[in-house]
Protein backbone atom coordinates (compact mmCIF):
# COMPACT_ATOMS: atom_id res chain seq x y z
CA MET A 1 88.89 118.03 100.37
CA MET A 2 88.91 114.41 102.06
CA LYS A 3 85.78 115.22 103.55
CA ASP A 4 84.17 116.60 100.41
CA ILE A 5 86.26 112.96 98.76
CA HIS A 6 84.65 111.06 101.37
CA LYS A 7 80.70 112.51 100.64
CA GLN A 8 81.27 111.99 96.83
CA ASN A 9 81.82 108.22 97.79
CA ALA A 10 78.78 107.89 98.70
CA THR A 11 77.33 107.79 95.44
CA VAL A 12 80.49 106.03 93.35
CA PRO A 13 80.24 102.70 92.13
CA GLU A 14 81.20 99.99 94.34
CA GLY A 15 85.34 99.30 94.68
CA TRP A 16 85.62 102.77 93.11
CA VAL A 17 86.66 105.75 94.82
CA TYR A 18 87.16 109.25 94.84
CA ALA A 19 90.81 110.67 94.81
CA MET A 20 93.26 113.86 94.33
CA PHE A 21 95.13 113.07 91.19
CA GLU A 22 98.23 113.30 93.07
CA GLU A 23 97.32 110.35 95.41
CA PHE A 24 97.44 107.94 92.65
CA ILE A 25 99.26 109.39 89.99
CA ASN A 26 103.15 110.73 89.73
CA LYS A 27 104.60 113.65 87.58
CA ARG A 28 108.23 112.27 86.58
CA LYS A 29 110.99 114.24 87.10
CA GLU A 30 113.95 112.95 85.42
CA LYS A 31 115.63 115.19 82.84
CA HIS A 32 118.06 114.99 79.56
CA ASN A 33 120.17 117.35 78.54
CA CYS A 34 120.67 117.75 75.29
CA ALA A 35 123.85 120.22 75.12
CA THR A 36 126.06 118.35 77.36
CA GLU A 37 124.77 114.37 77.26
CA LYS A 38 125.68 112.81 74.02
CA GLU A 39 123.65 109.82 74.22
CA ASP A 40 121.45 109.50 70.67
CA ILE A 41 118.05 109.46 72.13
CA ARG A 42 114.48 109.72 70.04
CA CYS A 43 113.12 112.80 70.90
CA PHE A 44 109.46 113.67 70.38
CA GLU A 45 108.40 117.28 70.09
CA LEU A 46 104.58 118.32 70.29
CA GLU A 47 104.52 118.97 66.34
CA HIS A 48 105.54 114.83 66.15
CA ILE A 49 102.06 114.04 67.87
CA GLU A 50 99.06 113.89 66.29
CA ALA A 51 96.46 115.55 67.99
CA ALA A 52 93.69 113.91 69.82
CA THR A 53 94.52 110.29 68.10
CA GLY A 54 97.52 109.19 70.56
CA ARG A 55 99.81 108.81 67.09
CA LEU A 56 103.33 109.95 66.48
CA ILE A 57 104.08 110.97 63.59
CA GLY A 58 107.66 112.00 63.69
CA SER A 59 111.22 112.18 65.99
CA VAL A 60 114.13 113.98 66.23
CA SER A 61 117.80 112.88 66.88
CA SER A 62 118.71 114.19 70.75
CA LEU A 63 122.39 114.74 69.23
CA LYS A 64 120.52 117.92 67.01
CA GLN A 65 118.40 119.46 70.30
CA LYS A 66 120.04 121.57 73.18
CA SER A 67 117.70 122.15 75.69
CA ILE A 68 116.34 120.39 78.31
CA LYS A 69 113.79 117.57 77.75
CA ASN A 70 111.51 115.48 79.91
CA ARG A 71 112.54 111.54 80.01
CA PHE A 72 109.56 108.81 79.95
CA LYS A 73 110.03 105.31 80.03
CA SER A 74 107.91 102.40 78.25
CA ARG A 75 104.29 102.53 79.04
CA ASP A 76 104.40 106.00 80.39
CA VAL A 77 102.13 108.23 79.44
CA VAL A 78 103.16 111.69 77.67
CA PHE A 79 100.69 114.11 77.92
CA GLY A 80 101.10 118.03 76.21
CA LYS A 81 100.53 120.75 78.79
CA LEU A 82 100.73 123.60 76.43
CA ARG A 83 97.59 124.15 75.02
CA PRO A 84 96.35 121.21 76.39
CA TYR A 85 93.05 121.86 74.25
CA LEU A 86 94.72 120.26 71.07
CA ARG A 87 94.60 116.93 73.13
CA LYS A 88 98.95 115.78 72.07
CA PHE A 89 99.07 112.77 74.32
CA PHE A 90 100.94 109.27 73.59
CA PHE A 91 101.59 105.93 75.29
CA ALA A 92 105.11 105.36 75.57
CA LYS A 93 106.23 101.79 74.43
CA MET A 94 109.92 102.21 74.55
CA GLU A 95 112.01 104.62 76.44
CA GLY A 96 113.02 107.86 75.12
CA ILE A 97 112.64 111.75 75.78
CA ALA A 98 109.48 114.72 75.63
CA SER A 99 110.02 118.13 74.55
CA SER A 100 109.62 120.17 78.12
CA GLU A 101 106.05 121.09 77.41
CA THR A 102 104.86 117.75 78.30
CA TRP A 103 104.11 115.94 81.78
CA VAL A 104 105.35 112.38 81.74
CA LEU A 105 102.53 110.43 83.94
CA SER A 106 102.19 107.28 85.81
CA PHE A 107 100.42 105.39 88.56
CA LYS A 108 102.08 105.01 91.38
CA GLU A 109 103.64 101.64 92.54
CA ASN A 110 100.31 98.99 92.57
CA MET A 111 97.65 101.81 92.51
CA GLY A 112 96.68 101.60 88.70
CA ASP A 113 97.52 100.21 85.26
CA ASN A 114 99.05 102.93 83.20
CA LEU A 115 97.05 102.28 79.94
CA PHE A 116 93.70 103.14 82.08
CA LEU A 117 95.54 106.42 82.24
CA TYR A 118 96.16 106.86 78.93
CA TYR A 119 92.18 106.58 78.22
CA LEU A 120 91.94 109.08 81.51
CA VAL A 121 93.72 112.05 80.09
CA GLN A 122 91.44 111.16 76.47
CA THR A 123 88.44 112.35 78.49
CA ASP A 124 86.94 115.39 78.40
CA ASP A 125 86.52 116.13 82.12
CA PHE A 126 90.44 115.78 82.27
CA ILE A 127 91.17 118.34 79.30
CA GLU A 128 88.58 120.19 80.73
CA ARG A 129 90.70 120.65 83.73
CA CYS A 130 93.63 121.30 82.33
CA ASN A 131 92.18 124.11 80.44
CA ARG A 132 92.39 125.76 83.36
CA THR A 133 95.52 127.33 82.80
CA THR A 134 98.55 129.77 83.71
CA GLY A 135 99.00 132.20 80.82
CA THR A 136 97.13 133.91 78.03
CA LYS A 137 98.85 133.51 74.88
CA MET A 138 100.67 130.51 75.50
CA PRO A 139 98.43 128.53 77.68
CA ARG A 140 100.07 125.92 79.54
CA ALA A 141 97.94 123.43 82.29
CA ASP A 142 99.07 124.15 85.87
CA TRP A 143 100.19 120.83 87.74
CA ALA A 144 99.37 122.32 91.39
CA LEU A 145 96.37 122.89 90.25
CA LEU A 146 95.63 119.34 88.09
CA SER A 147 97.17 117.53 91.14
CA LYS A 148 94.72 118.83 93.71
CA GLU A 149 91.47 117.95 91.51
CA VAL A 150 89.57 114.81 92.16
CA PHE A 151 88.92 112.00 89.90
CA LEU A 152 87.30 108.56 90.18
CA PHE A 153 89.41 105.43 90.16
CA PRO A 154 87.98 102.15 89.97
CA ALA A 155 90.00 99.20 91.46
CA ILE A 156 93.27 97.74 89.46
CA ASN A 157 91.38 95.19 87.98
CA GLU A 158 88.47 97.21 86.76
CA GLN A 159 91.05 99.40 85.39
CA ARG A 160 92.42 97.05 83.22
CA LYS A 161 89.12 95.35 82.15
CA ILE A 162 88.23 98.69 81.08
CA ALA A 163 91.96 99.68 79.24
CA LYS A 164 91.79 96.05 77.40
CA LEU A 165 88.36 96.85 75.85
CA LEU A 166 89.48 100.29 74.82
CA TYR A 167 92.33 98.70 73.24
CA THR A 168 90.60 96.76 70.96
CA TRP A 169 88.91 99.81 70.04
CA ASP A 170 92.27 101.80 69.27
CA LYS A 171 93.70 98.59 67.17
CA ARG A 172 90.48 98.75 64.95
CA ILE A 173 90.96 102.60 64.29
CA GLU A 174 94.56 102.02 64.01
CA CYS A 175 93.99 99.43 61.15
CA LEU A 176 91.27 100.80 59.55
CA SER A 177 93.41 104.23 59.37
CA LYS A 178 96.31 102.86 57.59
CA LEU A 179 93.82 100.58 54.96
CA LEU A 180 92.35 104.03 54.43
CA GLU A 181 95.65 106.41 53.98
CA ALA A 182 96.93 103.40 51.76
CA LYS A 183 93.82 103.92 49.29
CA ARG A 184 94.28 107.32 49.66
CA LYS A 185 97.77 107.06 48.60
CA VAL A 186 95.99 104.52 46.23
CA CYS A 187 93.65 106.77 44.46
CA ASP A 188 96.68 109.80 44.06
CA GLY A 189 98.91 107.33 42.48
CA LEU A 190 95.55 106.79 40.03
CA ILE A 191 94.45 110.21 39.57
CA GLU A 192 98.52 111.16 38.67
CA GLN A 193 98.77 108.31 35.82
CA LEU A 194 95.29 108.11 34.35
CA CYS A 195 94.69 112.10 34.26
CA SER A 196 97.91 113.13 32.98
CA GLY A 197 98.27 110.38 30.31
CA LYS A 198 100.58 108.42 31.88
CA VAL A 199 98.65 105.37 31.66
CA ARG A 200 95.24 104.51 29.67
CA LEU A 201 92.11 102.74 30.16
CA SER A 202 91.68 99.81 28.08
CA GLY A 203 89.58 100.73 24.56
CA TYR A 204 90.89 104.05 24.29
CA LYS A 205 93.57 104.62 21.98
CA LYS A 206 93.15 108.53 20.00
CA GLU A 207 96.16 110.43 21.01
CA TRP A 208 95.32 113.28 23.68
CA LYS A 209 95.68 117.17 23.37
CA MET A 210 97.52 119.90 25.04
CA TYR A 211 95.27 122.87 25.93
CA GLU A 212 95.19 126.37 27.68
CA ILE A 213 92.65 126.19 30.24
CA GLY A 214 91.09 129.40 29.12
CA ALA A 215 90.10 127.55 25.77
CA LEU A 216 88.32 124.91 27.46
CA GLY A 217 85.42 127.37 28.94
CA LYS A 218 84.54 130.73 30.05
CA PHE A 219 85.84 132.63 33.67
CA SER A 220 83.75 134.73 35.73
CA LYS A 221 84.46 135.27 39.50
CA GLY A 222 82.57 134.84 42.68
CA LYS A 223 81.33 137.59 44.72
CA GLY A 224 81.88 138.40 48.45
CA VAL A 225 80.42 136.08 51.32
CA SER A 226 81.87 137.26 54.45
CA LYS A 227 81.70 135.15 57.45
CA ASP A 228 79.09 137.02 59.28
CA GLN A 229 76.81 136.53 56.23
CA LEU A 230 76.30 132.48 56.58
CA THR A 231 73.62 131.36 58.25
CA LYS A 232 72.97 127.65 59.31
CA THR A 233 70.68 126.68 56.62
CA GLY A 234 69.62 128.63 53.28
CA PHE A 235 71.73 128.15 49.58
CA PRO A 236 74.66 126.14 49.65
CA CYS A 237 77.69 128.53 49.05
CA VAL A 238 81.66 127.69 48.10
CA ARG A 239 83.80 129.99 49.96
CA TYR A 240 87.74 129.72 48.78
CA GLY A 241 88.89 128.64 52.30
CA ASP A 242 86.00 125.53 51.69
CA ILE A 243 87.81 124.67 48.53
CA TYR A 244 91.14 123.42 50.00
CA THR A 245 90.08 122.80 53.20
CA LYS A 246 86.56 120.82 52.89
CA HIS A 247 86.23 119.31 49.48
CA ASN A 248 88.42 116.85 47.55
CA PHE A 249 88.35 116.89 43.93
CA PHE A 250 84.58 117.40 43.38
CA ILE A 251 81.92 118.82 45.92
CA LYS A 252 79.43 116.23 47.75
CA ASN A 253 78.55 118.23 50.45
CA PHE A 254 78.30 121.55 51.43
CA TYR A 255 79.72 123.61 53.99
CA SER A 256 78.59 127.00 53.75
CA PHE A 257 75.32 128.42 53.70
CA ILE A 258 73.67 132.03 52.67
CA PRO A 259 70.13 133.91 52.61
CA ASP A 260 68.19 134.63 49.86
CA GLU A 261 69.23 138.37 50.25
CA VAL A 262 73.02 137.73 50.14
CA ALA A 263 72.43 134.96 47.60
CA ARG A 264 70.63 137.61 45.12
CA GLU A 265 74.19 139.54 45.10
CA SER A 266 76.35 136.48 44.84
CA ARG A 267 77.78 134.37 41.53
CA GLU A 268 75.57 131.36 40.55
CA ILE A 269 77.13 128.41 39.82
CA ARG A 270 75.70 125.09 37.88
CA ARG A 271 76.64 121.85 36.92
CA GLY A 272 79.98 121.00 35.07
CA THR A 273 81.76 124.04 36.86
CA VAL A 274 85.05 124.11 38.09
CA LEU A 275 85.88 126.06 40.78
CA PHE A 276 89.55 127.68 41.71
CA ALA A 277 90.70 128.90 45.28
CA GLY A 278 91.75 132.45 44.06
CA SER A 279 93.44 132.91 47.38
CA GLY A 280 95.57 131.00 49.70
CA GLU A 281 98.49 131.05 52.61
CA THR A 282 100.34 128.43 50.92
CA LEU A 283 101.21 127.41 47.12
CA GLU A 284 99.24 124.09 47.78
CA ASP A 285 96.39 126.36 48.94
CA ILE A 286 96.48 128.17 46.00
CA GLY A 287 94.79 127.45 42.64
CA LYS A 288 93.51 124.05 43.91
CA ALA A 289 90.35 122.82 41.71
CA ILE A 290 87.21 121.35 42.50
CA ALA A 291 84.39 120.31 40.18
CA TYR A 292 80.51 121.13 40.49
CA ASP A 293 78.64 118.41 39.04
CA GLY A 294 75.13 118.61 41.05
CA GLU A 295 71.51 119.50 40.20
CA MET A 296 71.15 121.85 43.08
CA VAL A 297 71.73 126.04 42.13
CA ALA A 298 74.43 127.04 44.31
CA TYR A 299 77.02 130.32 44.79
CA ALA A 300 80.31 131.32 44.99
CA GLY A 301 82.31 133.26 47.45
CA GLY A 302 84.56 136.05 46.68
CA ASP A 303 88.32 134.68 45.65
CA VAL A 304 86.89 131.70 43.39
CA ILE A 305 87.60 131.66 40.45
CA ILE A 306 84.79 130.00 38.28
CA LEU A 307 84.86 128.30 35.08
CA GLU A 308 81.99 127.46 33.36
CA VAL A 309 83.54 124.29 31.04
CA LYS A 310 82.34 123.87 26.90
CA ARG A 311 79.87 120.50 26.35
CA ASP A 312 82.79 118.13 25.20
CA ILE A 313 84.99 118.41 28.53
CA ASN A 314 83.97 116.92 31.82
CA SER A 315 84.82 118.63 34.85
CA ILE A 316 85.12 115.77 36.96
CA PHE A 317 87.87 115.29 34.88
CA LEU A 318 89.06 118.38 34.59
CA SER A 319 89.54 119.38 38.19
CA LEU A 320 91.33 115.99 38.60
CA ALA A 321 93.72 116.57 35.56
CA LEU A 322 94.26 120.01 37.43
CA ASN A 323 95.75 118.90 40.80
CA THR A 324 98.10 116.72 38.83
CA ASN A 325 101.70 117.66 39.57
CA LYS A 326 102.67 119.20 35.96
CA VAL A 327 99.84 121.31 36.56
CA LYS A 328 100.46 122.50 40.13
CA GLN A 329 103.85 122.96 39.11
CA GLN A 330 102.90 125.91 36.05
CA ILE A 331 100.38 127.54 39.28
CA ARG A 332 103.05 127.34 41.93
CA ARG A 333 105.14 129.15 39.59
CA ILE A 334 103.03 131.86 39.38
CA GLY A 335 102.74 132.21 42.96
CA GLU A 336 106.21 132.18 43.74
CA GLY A 337 107.43 134.71 46.43
CA HIS A 338 104.20 135.74 48.01
CA SER A 339 103.22 134.94 51.92
CA VAL A 340 99.81 135.27 51.12
CA VAL A 341 98.73 134.35 47.31
CA HIS A 342 96.59 135.77 44.90
CA LEU A 343 95.37 134.23 41.46
CA TYR A 344 93.04 136.04 38.91
CA ALA A 345 91.52 134.62 35.94
CA SER A 346 94.16 136.10 33.80
CA ASP A 347 96.68 133.76 35.40
CA LEU A 348 95.02 130.61 34.88
CA LYS A 349 93.84 131.11 31.23
CA HIS A 350 97.92 130.63 29.62
CA ILE A 351 97.88 126.83 32.30
CA LYS A 352 98.24 124.18 29.93
CA VAL A 353 96.55 120.50 30.77
CA PHE A 354 96.83 117.49 28.88
CA LEU A 355 93.34 115.75 27.71
CA PRO A 356 92.03 112.91 26.26
CA GLU A 357 88.27 112.72 23.92
CA LYS A 358 85.11 113.59 25.96
CA SER A 359 84.43 109.42 26.30
CA GLU A 360 87.97 108.71 27.68
CA GLN A 361 87.25 111.72 29.84
CA ASP A 362 83.83 110.10 31.31
CA ALA A 363 85.22 106.67 31.87
CA ILE A 364 88.28 108.16 33.88
CA ALA A 365 85.88 110.45 35.83
CA ASP A 366 83.42 107.55 36.59
CA PHE A 367 86.08 105.36 37.73
CA LEU A 368 87.82 107.18 39.78
CA LYS A 369 84.76 108.15 42.05
CA VAL A 370 83.94 104.52 42.24
CA VAL A 371 87.65 104.79 43.89
CA ASP A 372 86.62 107.86 45.69
CA LYS A 373 82.90 106.08 46.95
CA GLU A 374 85.39 103.25 48.35
CA ILE A 375 87.41 106.23 50.44
CA GLU A 376 84.28 107.77 51.32
CA ILE A 377 82.82 104.37 53.24
CA LEU A 378 86.11 103.39 54.62
CA GLY A 379 86.32 107.14 55.94
CA ASN A 380 82.27 107.11 57.54
CA GLU A 381 83.07 103.76 59.18
CA LEU A 382 86.69 104.98 61.01
CA THR A 383 84.26 108.23 62.05
CA CYS A 384 82.20 105.71 63.43
CA LEU A 385 84.78 103.49 64.86
CA LYS A 386 86.08 106.83 66.92
CA TYR A 387 82.66 108.09 68.08
CA GLN A 388 82.24 104.16 69.89
CA LYS A 389 85.47 104.97 71.28
CA THR A 390 84.44 108.43 72.48
CA ALA A 391 80.95 107.19 73.84
CA LEU A 392 82.74 104.17 75.63
CA ILE A 393 85.56 106.15 77.75
CA LYS A 394 82.28 108.81 78.88
CA THR A 395 80.58 105.60 80.24
CA LEU A 396 83.28 103.11 81.50
CA LEU A 397 85.14 105.90 82.85
CA THR A 398 82.46 107.15 85.16
CA GLY A 399 81.10 103.85 86.21
CA GLN A 400 78.21 104.23 84.08
CA LYS A 401 78.39 100.92 82.81
CA ARG A 402 80.63 98.23 84.49
CA ILE A 403 83.00 95.29 82.83
CA ALA A 404 82.50 91.84 85.00
CA VAL A 405 86.00 91.39 86.34
């Protein structure tokens, strides 16, 4: 192995070395037995680590746990070894304990900077090597294999420079993520207030009226489009799963496409249509409504319920109103008690919704589209920052680009 390493060293950047992972990195062995130790410590399970971001989204008290956990210290790197392709990792900013399905990693003394290690475990190369796993149903990264893998390490001063630069990108991503999350909460609040009549836009005084959905248009049903019928290009199609995984309240882009021969057998949808998810795995999925207000002819797959609304109804406003809490509560009552829920037009037609006159519907829809556009722009900026960070990691951690030390 050392011979191979020296052979590789001939082509590495000056000051960098190839070495086995275990020569530079230590896997912490300290444990915490939650069943016997009474100290109250924050415990982070894999479910508390957001995939691919390093963000902690929860924790639990060690006093509520019974099993043995891994101890970590501030500035350790915690990496989820179970299903490593999920990219569960975080840089510890405090002491605590983590799932036994993690590794707690740190550089050996005077060998490197742990913040650099945090970015190393995010690389595609590291994840790929961890995916050489043991187990099939529950694959786990194998320390015996990974510890012998050869990685490229820069000198410690350059590690610190690289880590510092990448950390500035992480801070920008974190700030923008928080801003985007706050904007989304504001938007959700505006939808709830404006589309249920709790708050009125200035200049509108006419009373709102209660309607059953069945009185607002004509129902029909999409026709089945299987996964193997989808193509990369062709006619745009909305499948029921797209409604609750790809779209918010109205369709801006299409994610599924079908060829001409499938389109001829499918149900066409046009502008001014509201689509409902007729199936779902949870009560939140079932009955979600989105509007189609585009000019392009598109098609609806099976388990999509179609409502062609009347001319005095704004389809975007209606889709927003149908996703307010009062309406969702009515839909949940229909689906309660089922593991996989199905919904039909006959169920929806008696759902009640509160509506203003058309001009106020239009004004609310236009206002909320502006808010949604602001969120979209922020989301695109965040995506761009994440892409830049990924590109920087690829070039800086391989020595393709150097930082002056």
